[in-house]
């Protein structure tokens, strides 16, 4: 029994996010914090093979109810490999929770646990389903395939095709889908929806908590490339910098003494290989994982993120803005943001991108004013 005056009840479903860092985690933390303010909110954490006991325990702290469901390797060869699967015992546990708590809403942070949404729709039809679809996986995996159309890379072709089939089914369910990027919304409406499905699309832009930061002066003048170093869009972006931009800015780096720093976890060999290929050891330094990425951004002159392959919105724009640092990006890197040249340089060709980098290196006052 619930009082008519009680808050609506919601179940937030996500992978572990409180113990991790990065753009996706910022979004998860923002959504979870916001939901707790307006709802009687429970948390369902999906445990995957890389999660430690400490990761799980961190999500049980607080006044909210919490539940953990174990994800297992998919048994359905027709579904994308990244879709969460659950044993029958785990699904029974989920159904019991729905029956006990009688949720008004369930909120899935990603399409990856969508099988839980399908099950909720089946056994608890009065519960409304919200899916935060900030990444269009068919587009994301297709980008990997387009970059290397070879037999050894065929996995991404198959994943892209599977996701197209899966998305065609998913986005026609009677759910509310939230997109971070208006371009992704346009794509989904054109590819799957066509205005005839009972689903709805709406925008939920990425957000980040701003607060005053102490001034930080770099020990060495540097420009910064940062992010998860094992992700395909970041590898592609760094390859663009080294293969097409570096030779155009090398002389400026030499005369100014400015270095390009590379910061992020899960470094892959391609970074050192590209630096060695261009003999750039003097001007390009890999920092790897850092304890405080925001402070690392703050200690740079500006950031570089020439995004050419991705989906969703680029949270690095916000992370740099939080540190009051401008940057040079691409049209795709700035997609989803209403920004002008007074705060962020958008350059697409290698020549224009290099000119933008040189412009900011040579005018530190402009860097500061754009960052502000």
Protein backbone atom coordinates (compact mmCIF):
# COMPACT_ATOMS: atom_id res chain seq x y z
CA UNK A 1 0.00 0.00 0.00
CA UNK A 2 1.21 3.45 -0.93
CA UNK A 3 -0.17 6.80 0.14
CA UNK A 4 -1.59 8.95 -2.69
CA UNK A 5 0.79 11.67 -1.48
CA UNK A 6 3.92 9.51 -1.82
CA UNK A 7 6.52 10.12 -4.50
CA UNK A 8 6.33 8.11 -7.74
CA UNK A 9 8.44 4.99 -7.49
CA UNK A 10 11.26 4.42 -9.99
CA UNK A 11 13.86 1.72 -10.57
CA UNK A 12 17.14 2.99 -12.03
CA UNK A 13 19.07 0.28 -13.92
CA UNK A 14 22.75 0.78 -14.70
CA UNK A 15 26.15 -0.87 -14.71
CA UNK A 16 28.59 0.10 -11.94
CA UNK A 17 29.25 3.84 -12.17
CA UNK A 18 30.05 5.26 -8.73
CA UNK A 19 33.59 3.84 -8.62
CA UNK A 20 34.51 4.64 -12.21
CA UNK A 21 35.53 7.77 -14.09
CA UNK A 22 34.86 9.12 -17.56
CA UNK A 23 32.17 10.84 -19.57
CA UNK A 24 29.64 8.01 -19.34
CA UNK A 25 30.04 7.92 -15.57
CA UNK A 26 29.36 11.66 -15.34
CA UNK A 27 26.06 11.10 -17.11
CA UNK A 28 25.14 8.14 -14.90
CA UNK A 29 25.94 10.01 -11.69
CA UNK A 30 24.01 13.08 -12.83
CA UNK A 31 20.92 11.04 -13.74
CA UNK A 32 20.97 8.95 -10.55
CA UNK A 33 21.43 12.02 -8.34
CA UNK A 34 18.58 13.82 -10.12
CA UNK A 35 16.18 10.86 -9.94
CA UNK A 36 16.72 10.52 -6.19
CA UNK A 37 15.56 14.12 -5.72
CA UNK A 38 12.17 13.56 -7.37
CA UNK A 39 11.33 9.88 -6.89
CA UNK A 40 11.21 7.05 -4.42
CA UNK A 41 14.24 5.66 -6.24
CA UNK A 42 15.69 2.14 -6.11
CA UNK A 43 18.94 1.14 -7.78
CA UNK A 44 19.49 -2.05 -9.77
CA UNK A 45 23.15 -2.65 -10.57
CA UNK A 46 24.10 -5.05 -13.35
CA UNK A 47 27.22 -6.92 -12.37
CA UNK A 48 29.56 -7.86 -15.19
CA UNK A 49 32.73 -9.93 -15.15
CA UNK A 50 35.12 -7.01 -14.54
CA UNK A 51 33.24 -5.70 -11.49
CA UNK A 52 34.86 -6.21 -8.10
CA UNK A 53 33.08 -6.67 -4.79
CA UNK A 54 34.15 -3.14 -3.84
CA UNK A 55 32.52 -1.78 -7.02
CA UNK A 56 29.25 -3.45 -6.08
CA UNK A 57 29.33 -2.50 -2.40
CA UNK A 58 29.80 1.19 -3.23
CA UNK A 59 26.37 1.19 -4.88
CA UNK A 60 24.65 -0.17 -1.78
CA UNK A 61 25.52 2.84 0.37
CA UNK A 62 22.77 5.34 1.04
CA UNK A 63 19.07 5.28 1.88
CA UNK A 64 17.95 3.74 -1.39
CA UNK A 65 17.10 0.09 -1.93
CA UNK A 66 19.61 -1.72 -4.11
CA UNK A 67 19.62 -4.97 -6.02
CA UNK A 68 22.35 -6.69 -8.02
CA UNK A 69 21.70 -8.81 -11.11
CA UNK A 70 24.42 -10.92 -12.67
CA UNK A 71 24.85 -10.55 -16.41
CA UNK A 72 25.90 -13.68 -18.28
CA UNK A 73 27.39 -14.29 -21.69
CA UNK A 74 24.72 -14.19 -24.35
CA UNK A 75 23.32 -17.47 -25.58
CA UNK A 76 21.46 -16.00 -28.56
CA UNK A 77 23.77 -15.79 -31.57
CA UNK A 78 21.35 -13.42 -33.32
CA UNK A 79 21.67 -10.71 -30.66
CA UNK A 80 24.64 -8.33 -30.41
CA UNK A 81 27.30 -9.66 -28.06
CA UNK A 82 27.19 -6.58 -25.82
CA UNK A 83 23.51 -7.04 -24.92
CA UNK A 84 23.13 -8.23 -21.32
CA UNK A 85 21.68 -11.71 -20.86
CA UNK A 86 20.33 -13.17 -17.65
CA UNK A 87 19.69 -16.66 -16.33
CA UNK A 88 16.14 -17.77 -15.65
CA UNK A 89 16.82 -17.54 -11.91
CA UNK A 90 18.00 -13.96 -12.29
CA UNK A 91 14.97 -13.05 -14.38
CA UNK A 92 12.73 -14.56 -11.69
CA UNK A 93 14.46 -12.33 -9.14
CA UNK A 94 13.73 -9.34 -11.38
CA UNK A 95 10.07 -10.29 -11.79
CA UNK A 96 9.69 -10.69 -8.03
CA UNK A 97 11.11 -7.18 -7.55
CA UNK A 98 8.63 -5.72 -10.03
CA UNK A 99 5.73 -7.46 -8.29
CA UNK A 100 6.84 -6.39 -4.82
CA UNK A 101 7.62 -2.74 -5.52
CA UNK A 102 5.01 -1.93 -8.20
CA UNK A 103 7.18 0.66 -9.93
CA UNK A 104 5.67 3.59 -11.77
CA UNK A 105 8.78 3.75 -13.97
CA UNK A 106 11.93 1.84 -14.77
CA UNK A 107 14.84 3.81 -16.19
CA UNK A 108 17.53 1.99 -18.18
CA UNK A 109 20.76 3.94 -18.48
CA UNK A 110 21.59 2.19 -21.77
CA UNK A 111 20.05 -0.06 -24.39
CA UNK A 112 22.44 -2.83 -23.30
CA UNK A 113 20.07 -4.22 -20.58
CA UNK A 114 17.05 -3.89 -22.89
CA UNK A 115 15.96 -7.49 -22.24
CA UNK A 116 14.91 -6.28 -18.78
CA UNK A 117 12.70 -3.64 -20.41
CA UNK A 118 11.05 -6.28 -22.58
CA UNK A 119 10.44 -8.43 -19.49
CA UNK A 120 9.00 -5.50 -17.54
CA UNK A 121 6.65 -4.67 -20.39
CA UNK A 122 5.44 -8.28 -20.36
CA UNK A 123 4.93 -8.87 -16.62
CA UNK A 124 4.26 -5.31 -15.36
CA UNK A 125 2.46 -3.48 -18.18
CA UNK A 126 1.43 -0.59 -15.92
CA UNK A 127 5.10 0.36 -15.44
CA UNK A 128 6.36 2.96 -17.88
CA UNK A 129 9.79 2.33 -19.43
CA UNK A 130 12.43 5.00 -20.06
CA UNK A 131 15.63 4.17 -21.95
CA UNK A 132 18.60 6.51 -22.01
CA UNK A 133 19.92 5.80 -25.49
CA UNK A 134 22.88 8.16 -25.61
CA UNK A 135 24.83 5.83 -27.91
CA UNK A 136 23.51 4.45 -31.21
CA UNK A 137 25.39 1.17 -31.23
CA UNK A 138 24.76 0.28 -34.87
CA UNK A 139 26.48 3.51 -35.91
CA UNK A 140 29.27 3.05 -33.38
CA UNK A 141 30.14 -0.52 -34.44
CA UNK A 142 29.81 0.35 -38.11
CA UNK A 143 32.48 3.00 -37.62
CA UNK A 144 34.91 0.28 -36.53
CA UNK A 145 34.05 -1.75 -39.64
CA UNK A 146 34.30 1.19 -42.06
CA UNK A 147 37.78 1.96 -40.75
CA UNK A 148 39.06 -1.52 -41.61
CA UNK A 149 36.95 -3.57 -44.03
CA UNK A 150 38.86 -6.81 -43.67
CA UNK A 151 38.21 -10.43 -42.74
CA UNK A 152 40.00 -10.01 -39.43
CA UNK A 153 37.67 -7.09 -38.59
CA UNK A 154 34.42 -8.77 -39.69
CA UNK A 155 33.19 -9.01 -36.08
CA UNK A 156 32.22 -5.33 -36.20
CA UNK A 157 30.33 -5.77 -39.46
CA UNK A 158 28.30 -8.59 -37.91
CA UNK A 159 27.74 -6.56 -34.73
CA UNK A 160 26.56 -3.58 -36.75
CA UNK A 161 24.08 -5.72 -38.68
CA UNK A 162 22.84 -7.37 -35.50
CA UNK A 163 22.37 -3.99 -33.84
CA UNK A 164 20.42 -2.68 -36.83
CA UNK A 165 18.03 -5.61 -36.45
CA UNK A 166 17.87 -5.21 -32.67
CA UNK A 167 17.38 -1.43 -32.82
CA UNK A 168 14.61 -1.82 -35.40
CA UNK A 169 12.75 -3.89 -32.80
CA UNK A 170 13.71 -1.87 -29.71
CA UNK A 171 12.87 1.62 -30.94
CA UNK A 172 9.33 0.63 -31.85
CA UNK A 173 8.41 -0.37 -28.30
CA UNK A 174 6.14 1.99 -26.31
CA UNK A 175 9.00 3.54 -24.34
CA UNK A 176 10.38 7.01 -23.86
CA UNK A 177 13.87 7.14 -25.40
CA UNK A 178 16.27 9.87 -24.31
CA UNK A 179 19.03 11.00 -26.69
CA UNK A 180 21.98 13.19 -25.76
CA UNK A 181 22.55 14.37 -29.32
CA UNK A 182 19.91 15.87 -31.65
CA UNK A 183 21.68 14.32 -34.65
CA UNK A 184 21.22 10.84 -33.15
CA UNK A 185 17.57 11.62 -32.64
CA UNK A 186 17.18 12.57 -36.30
CA UNK A 187 18.94 9.37 -37.37
CA UNK A 188 16.75 7.12 -35.22
CA UNK A 189 13.53 8.79 -36.32
CA UNK A 190 14.50 8.39 -39.96
CA UNK A 191 15.90 4.85 -39.68
CA UNK A 192 13.34 3.18 -37.41
CA UNK A 193 10.53 5.32 -36.15
CA UNK A 194 8.96 7.19 -39.10
CA UNK A 195 6.37 8.68 -36.73
CA UNK A 196 4.27 5.50 -36.61
CA UNK A 197 5.68 3.76 -33.53
CA UNK A 198 4.18 4.18 -30.02
CA UNK A 199 7.62 5.15 -28.71
CA UNK A 200 8.73 8.73 -28.09
CA UNK A 201 12.12 10.40 -28.55
CA UNK A 202 13.28 13.29 -26.41
CA UNK A 203 16.58 15.04 -25.71
CA UNK A 204 18.50 14.79 -22.44
CA UNK A 205 21.71 16.77 -22.99
CA UNK A 206 24.81 15.77 -21.09
CA UNK A 207 25.46 17.74 -17.94
CA UNK A 208 28.37 18.20 -15.60
CA UNK A 209 28.54 19.86 -12.16
CA UNK A 210 30.50 23.11 -12.30
CA UNK A 211 32.31 24.62 -9.34
CA UNK A 212 35.17 27.02 -8.82
CA UNK A 213 38.60 25.45 -9.19
CA UNK A 214 41.90 26.57 -7.83
CA UNK A 215 44.25 28.05 -10.39
CA UNK A 216 46.69 25.53 -11.83
CA UNK A 217 49.93 26.45 -13.53
CA UNK A 218 51.54 23.74 -15.71
CA UNK A 219 55.16 22.86 -15.01
CA UNK A 220 55.55 22.53 -18.76
CA UNK A 221 53.40 24.27 -21.35
CA UNK A 222 51.28 21.61 -23.00
CA UNK A 223 48.22 20.96 -25.06
CA UNK A 224 46.19 17.93 -24.03
CA UNK A 225 44.61 14.94 -25.76
CA UNK A 226 42.60 12.94 -23.22
CA UNK A 227 40.03 10.17 -22.91
CA UNK A 228 39.80 6.39 -22.74
CA UNK A 229 42.81 5.43 -24.85
CA UNK A 230 41.46 2.04 -25.92
CA UNK A 231 38.28 3.40 -27.51
CA UNK A 232 38.09 3.36 -31.28
CA UNK A 233 37.07 7.05 -31.69
CA UNK A 234 40.07 8.15 -29.59
CA UNK A 235 42.52 5.88 -31.44
CA UNK A 236 41.13 7.24 -34.72
CA UNK A 237 41.46 10.83 -33.47
CA UNK A 238 45.05 10.37 -32.30
CA UNK A 239 45.93 8.69 -35.60
CA UNK A 240 44.57 11.75 -37.41
CA UNK A 241 46.70 14.05 -35.24
CA UNK A 242 49.92 12.10 -35.78
CA UNK A 243 49.51 11.10 -39.43
CA UNK A 244 47.98 14.30 -40.77
CA UNK A 245 48.38 17.20 -38.33
CA UNK A 246 51.68 16.66 -36.50
CA UNK A 247 53.96 17.50 -39.44
CA UNK A 248 52.08 20.80 -39.88
CA UNK A 249 52.48 21.89 -36.24
CA UNK A 250 55.91 20.39 -35.52
CA UNK A 251 57.81 23.63 -36.17
CA UNK A 252 55.46 25.58 -33.88
CA UNK A 253 55.88 23.01 -31.11
CA UNK A 254 59.63 23.29 -31.52
CA UNK A 255 59.83 27.08 -31.37
CA UNK A 256 57.23 27.51 -28.61
CA UNK A 257 58.43 24.67 -26.39
CA UNK A 258 54.84 23.42 -26.10
CA UNK A 259 54.35 19.65 -25.87
CA UNK A 260 51.37 17.46 -26.69
CA UNK A 261 50.38 15.37 -23.64
CA UNK A 262 48.25 12.24 -23.96
CA UNK A 263 46.29 11.31 -20.83
CA UNK A 264 43.90 8.43 -20.22
CA UNK A 265 43.58 4.88 -19.01
CA UNK A 266 43.90 1.64 -20.94
CA UNK A 267 46.62 2.74 -23.35
CA UNK A 268 47.11 0.52 -26.40
CA UNK A 269 50.40 0.06 -28.33
CA UNK A 270 49.21 2.17 -31.26
CA UNK A 271 50.00 5.40 -29.39
CA UNK A 272 53.71 4.69 -28.93
CA UNK A 273 53.87 3.21 -32.43
CA UNK A 274 52.52 6.41 -33.98
CA UNK A 275 54.87 8.59 -31.93
CA UNK A 276 57.84 6.46 -32.97
CA UNK A 277 56.69 6.40 -36.60
CA UNK A 278 56.93 10.20 -36.79
CA UNK A 279 59.94 10.57 -34.51
CA UNK A 280 57.83 12.71 -32.22
CA UNK A 281 59.23 11.63 -28.85
CA UNK A 282 60.53 15.15 -28.19
CA UNK A 283 57.16 16.79 -28.66
CA UNK A 284 54.57 14.16 -27.67
CA UNK A 285 54.42 12.56 -24.21
CA UNK A 286 52.11 9.83 -22.96
CA UNK A 287 50.96 10.42 -19.38
CA UNK A 288 48.64 7.42 -19.26
CA UNK A 289 46.13 7.24 -16.42
CA UNK A 290 46.16 10.22 -14.07
CA UNK A 291 44.70 10.57 -10.59
CA UNK A 292 42.83 13.79 -11.35
CA UNK A 293 41.91 14.31 -14.99
CA UNK A 294 40.19 17.61 -14.32
CA UNK A 295 43.37 19.03 -12.79
CA UNK A 296 45.33 17.67 -15.76
CA UNK A 297 43.00 19.50 -18.15
CA UNK A 298 43.32 22.65 -16.04
CA UNK A 299 47.12 22.42 -16.27
CA UNK A 300 47.03 22.51 -20.09
CA UNK A 301 46.85 25.46 -22.45
CA UNK A 302 43.97 23.91 -24.38
CA UNK A 303 42.68 20.52 -25.52
CA UNK A 304 42.60 18.72 -28.86
CA UNK A 305 39.93 16.16 -29.78
CA UNK A 306 39.46 15.74 -33.54
CA UNK A 307 36.53 13.31 -33.43
CA UNK A 308 35.66 11.58 -36.71
CA UNK A 309 33.94 8.40 -35.54
CA UNK A 310 31.46 8.19 -32.66
CA UNK A 311 27.87 8.48 -31.46
CA UNK A 312 26.27 10.38 -28.61
CA UNK A 313 27.76 13.67 -27.42
CA UNK A 314 31.34 14.37 -26.57
CA UNK A 315 31.48 14.93 -22.82
CA UNK A 316 35.10 16.04 -23.20
CA UNK A 317 33.72 19.39 -24.37
CA UNK A 318 32.06 19.78 -20.97
CA UNK A 319 35.02 18.41 -19.02
CA UNK A 320 37.30 20.94 -20.71
CA UNK A 321 34.76 23.70 -20.10
CA UNK A 322 34.60 22.80 -16.41
CA UNK A 323 38.36 23.42 -16.26
CA UNK A 324 37.87 26.65 -18.26
CA UNK A 325 39.91 25.31 -21.16
CA UNK A 326 39.06 25.79 -24.80
CA UNK A 327 39.99 23.32 -27.51
CA UNK A 328 40.23 22.47 -31.18
CA UNK A 329 37.75 19.85 -32.34
CA UNK A 330 35.84 18.80 -35.46
CA UNK A 331 32.24 19.31 -36.53
CA UNK A 332 31.44 15.84 -35.18
CA UNK A 333 33.32 16.59 -31.97
CA UNK A 334 31.14 19.65 -31.31
CA UNK A 335 27.93 17.97 -32.47
CA UNK A 336 25.04 18.51 -30.08
CA UNK A 337 26.41 21.77 -28.68
CA UNK A 338 25.42 25.31 -29.65
CA UNK A 339 28.91 26.81 -29.55
CA UNK A 340 30.72 29.46 -31.56
CA UNK A 341 34.32 30.34 -32.38
CA UNK A 342 34.40 32.57 -29.30
CA UNK A 343 34.78 29.52 -27.06
CA UNK A 344 35.72 26.51 -29.22
CA UNK A 345 37.51 26.14 -32.55
CA UNK A 346 35.86 23.71 -34.98
CA UNK A 347 38.14 22.61 -37.80
CA UNK A 348 37.72 19.55 -40.02
CA UNK A 349 40.53 19.25 -42.59
CA UNK A 350 44.06 18.51 -41.41
CA UNK A 351 45.29 21.87 -42.71
CA UNK A 352 42.55 23.84 -40.97
CA UNK A 353 42.96 21.82 -37.80
CA UNK A 354 46.70 22.52 -37.71
CA UNK A 355 46.05 26.25 -38.28
CA UNK A 356 43.66 26.23 -35.31
CA UNK A 357 46.23 24.57 -33.04
CA UNK A 358 48.94 27.02 -34.13
CA UNK A 359 46.57 29.97 -33.65
CA UNK A 360 45.94 29.04 -30.01
CA UNK A 361 49.58 28.19 -29.24
CA UNK A 362 50.67 31.59 -30.53
CA UNK A 363 47.96 33.57 -28.69
CA UNK A 364 47.79 32.53 -25.04
CA UNK A 365 45.45 35.44 -24.21
CA UNK A 366 42.98 34.09 -26.75
CA UNK A 367 43.19 30.66 -25.07
CA UNK A 368 42.33 32.19 -21.71
CA UNK A 369 39.44 34.30 -22.97
CA UNK A 370 37.94 31.40 -24.94
CA UNK A 371 38.29 29.11 -21.93
CA UNK A 372 36.49 31.60 -19.73
